[in-house]
Protein backbone atom coordinates (compact mmCIF):
# COMPACT_ATOMS: atom_id res chain seq x y z
CA MET A 1 55.58 31.78 10.80
CA PRO A 2 53.37 31.10 13.76
CA GLN A 3 52.44 27.72 14.44
CA TYR A 4 48.71 27.27 15.08
CA TYR A 5 47.10 23.77 17.17
CA VAL A 6 43.14 22.54 16.24
CA VAL A 7 41.64 20.94 20.14
CA TYR A 8 38.75 18.86 18.99
CA ILE A 9 36.57 17.96 22.57
CA MET A 10 33.82 15.53 22.07
CA ALA A 11 32.01 14.05 25.00
CA ASP A 12 28.79 11.72 25.75
CA ASP A 13 26.10 12.73 27.71
CA LEU A 14 28.08 16.53 27.44
CA GLY A 15 26.21 19.05 27.18
CA SER A 16 27.30 22.30 26.11
CA GLY A 17 25.69 24.24 28.94
CA ASP A 18 27.31 21.96 31.65
CA ILE A 19 30.73 23.15 31.55
CA SER A 20 31.64 26.28 33.47
CA ALA A 21 32.12 28.53 30.63
CA HIS A 22 28.67 28.14 29.65
CA GLY A 23 27.22 28.71 32.99
CA GLY A 24 27.60 25.28 34.18
CA GLY A 25 27.74 23.87 37.52
CA VAL A 26 30.65 21.32 36.34
CA LYS A 27 33.91 22.71 37.45
CA THR A 28 36.01 22.82 33.98
CA PRO A 29 38.88 25.07 34.57
CA ASN A 30 41.28 23.85 31.54
CA ILE A 31 38.69 23.70 29.24
CA ASP A 32 37.85 27.45 29.92
CA LYS A 33 41.34 28.62 29.78
CA LEU A 34 41.36 26.65 26.67
CA PHE A 35 37.98 28.86 25.70
CA LYS A 36 39.77 32.25 27.02
CA GLN A 37 43.09 31.89 24.78
CA GLY A 38 41.63 30.80 21.44
CA VAL A 39 38.55 30.36 19.30
CA GLU A 40 35.40 28.66 20.25
CA LEU A 41 33.83 26.92 17.18
CA THR A 42 29.86 26.79 17.44
CA GLN A 43 28.36 25.76 14.54
CA PHE A 44 28.09 22.31 14.20
CA MET A 45 25.43 20.14 14.97
CA GLY A 46 25.62 16.77 17.33
CA TRP A 47 23.56 13.77 16.83
CA CYS A 48 22.05 11.49 19.63
CA VAL A 49 24.23 8.98 19.51
CA CYS A 50 28.45 9.40 19.03
CA SER A 51 28.88 7.39 15.26
CA PRO A 52 27.33 9.79 13.78
CA THR A 53 28.41 12.68 15.28
CA ARG A 54 31.97 11.66 14.59
CA ALA A 55 31.18 10.88 11.10
CA MET A 56 30.25 14.79 11.06
CA LEU A 57 33.05 15.76 12.61
CA LEU A 58 35.42 13.99 10.23
CA THR A 59 34.32 14.63 7.17
CA GLY A 60 32.24 18.09 7.08
CA ARG A 61 29.26 16.26 6.02
CA ARG A 62 25.68 16.63 7.96
CA LEU A 63 24.34 13.33 8.40
CA ARG A 64 21.96 13.42 5.41
CA GLN A 65 24.77 13.90 3.11
CA MET A 66 26.29 10.20 4.12
CA ALA A 67 24.35 7.20 4.50
CA GLN A 68 21.65 6.91 7.18
CA PHE A 69 22.60 5.33 10.59
């Protein structure tokens, strides 16, 4: 049976267009390699501060479905 790994990359103050895989000016060869060898999930909504983003990521719920921050 094949073994699969899941990697979540979450960084404060990093826009999706900043990394080189998306044409940005920041050199990110390791992230580029992960994108080429795997699957990039693009349908995730972030928030302007980190705690709601983490809560949405960990629960799979949108912010309006949880307590107000």
